[in-house]
Protein backbone atom coordinates (compact mmCIF):
# COMPACT_ATOMS: atom_id res chain seq x y z
CA UNK A 1 0.00 0.00 0.00
CA UNK A 2 1.42 3.34 -1.07
CA UNK A 3 1.03 6.27 1.29
CA UNK A 4 1.17 9.81 0.03
CA UNK A 5 2.44 12.77 1.91
CA UNK A 6 -0.18 15.21 3.18
CA UNK A 7 0.04 18.61 1.53
CA UNK A 8 -1.01 21.76 3.32
CA UNK A 9 -2.20 24.98 1.70
CA UNK A 10 -0.18 28.15 2.10
CA UNK A 11 -3.10 29.73 3.97
CA UNK A 12 -3.12 26.90 6.50
CA UNK A 13 0.66 27.08 6.93
CA UNK A 14 0.46 30.84 7.48
CA UNK A 15 -2.32 30.44 10.04
CA UNK A 16 -0.39 27.83 12.02
CA UNK A 17 2.89 29.79 11.76
CA UNK A 18 1.14 32.91 13.02
CA UNK A 19 -0.23 30.97 15.98
CA UNK A 20 3.29 29.73 16.71
CA UNK A 21 4.72 33.26 16.47
CA UNK A 22 2.06 34.59 18.85
CA UNK A 23 3.17 32.03 21.40
CA UNK A 24 -0.23 31.56 23.06
CA UNK A 25 0.26 27.78 22.77
CA UNK A 26 3.46 25.75 22.82
CA UNK A 27 4.60 23.91 19.71
CA UNK A 28 3.50 20.66 21.33
CA UNK A 29 0.03 22.07 21.99
CA UNK A 30 -0.21 23.40 18.43
CA UNK A 31 0.96 20.03 17.18
CA UNK A 32 -1.86 18.27 19.04
CA UNK A 33 -4.41 20.89 17.97
CA UNK A 34 -3.65 20.64 14.24
CA UNK A 35 -2.33 17.08 14.03
CA UNK A 36 1.05 18.16 12.67
CA UNK A 37 4.51 17.28 13.96
CA UNK A 38 6.05 20.09 16.02
CA UNK A 39 9.20 20.25 13.87
CA UNK A 40 7.05 21.08 10.84
CA UNK A 41 5.37 23.89 12.76
CA UNK A 42 8.79 25.19 13.84
CA UNK A 43 9.97 25.14 10.22
CA UNK A 44 6.88 27.07 9.06
CA UNK A 45 7.41 29.59 11.86
CA UNK A 46 11.05 30.06 10.81
CA UNK A 47 10.03 30.50 7.14
CA UNK A 48 7.39 33.07 8.12
CA UNK A 49 9.85 35.09 10.18
CA UNK A 50 12.53 34.91 7.45
CA UNK A 51 10.00 36.00 4.82
CA UNK A 52 8.77 38.98 6.81
CA UNK A 53 11.70 41.16 5.79
CA UNK A 54 10.77 40.83 2.11
CA UNK A 55 7.24 42.02 2.94
CA UNK A 56 8.62 45.32 4.18
CA UNK A 57 11.38 45.60 1.56
CA UNK A 58 9.06 47.58 -0.67
CA UNK A 59 8.52 47.66 -4.38
CA UNK A 60 11.69 49.65 -5.08
CA UNK A 61 14.00 46.73 -4.33
CA UNK A 62 11.86 44.34 -6.36
CA UNK A 63 11.74 46.82 -9.25
CA UNK A 64 15.51 47.34 -9.06
CA UNK A 65 16.17 43.59 -9.20
CA UNK A 66 13.83 43.09 -12.15
CA UNK A 67 15.32 46.16 -13.87
CA UNK A 68 18.84 44.75 -13.53
CA UNK A 69 17.69 41.44 -14.99
CA UNK A 70 16.08 43.27 -17.91
CA UNK A 71 19.28 45.25 -18.53
CA UNK A 72 21.36 42.05 -18.56
CA UNK A 73 18.93 40.49 -21.04
CA UNK A 74 19.09 43.56 -23.30
CA UNK A 75 22.90 43.65 -23.18
CA UNK A 76 23.06 40.03 -24.31
CA UNK A 77 20.60 40.77 -27.13
CA UNK A 78 22.69 43.75 -28.26
CA UNK A 79 25.78 41.55 -28.32
CA UNK A 80 23.98 38.93 -30.40
CA UNK A 81 22.78 41.57 -32.91
CA UNK A 82 26.28 43.07 -33.23
CA UNK A 83 27.72 39.63 -34.01
CA UNK A 84 24.99 38.99 -36.60
CA UNK A 85 25.56 42.42 -38.21
CA UNK A 86 29.31 41.86 -38.42
CA UNK A 87 28.80 38.40 -39.90
CA UNK A 88 26.39 39.67 -42.55
CA UNK A 89 28.64 42.63 -43.40
CA UNK A 90 31.56 40.25 -43.90
CA UNK A 91 29.40 37.91 -45.99
CA UNK A 92 28.36 40.75 -48.27
CA UNK A 93 32.02 41.76 -48.71
CA UNK A 94 31.97 45.18 -47.13
């Protein structure tokens, strides 16, 4: 008999992680309440805390990162077009 791993939605993980961050119940109590191993709850709590900084990072950092990626892509395209132009100019005997 094949057993499959239970998958939890991101909303459920966030709810449980928030309960763990609040600290009203211990990890063991949360584990019993939701039927999840306490190490999984601790991992979700850690992920939530680590991800909080990106929530407050703002759109400027995200825009800057995507802008740099776009610039790199455009530079590589320019290089490709220059090589093609030089090849065609040489082929036409200029």
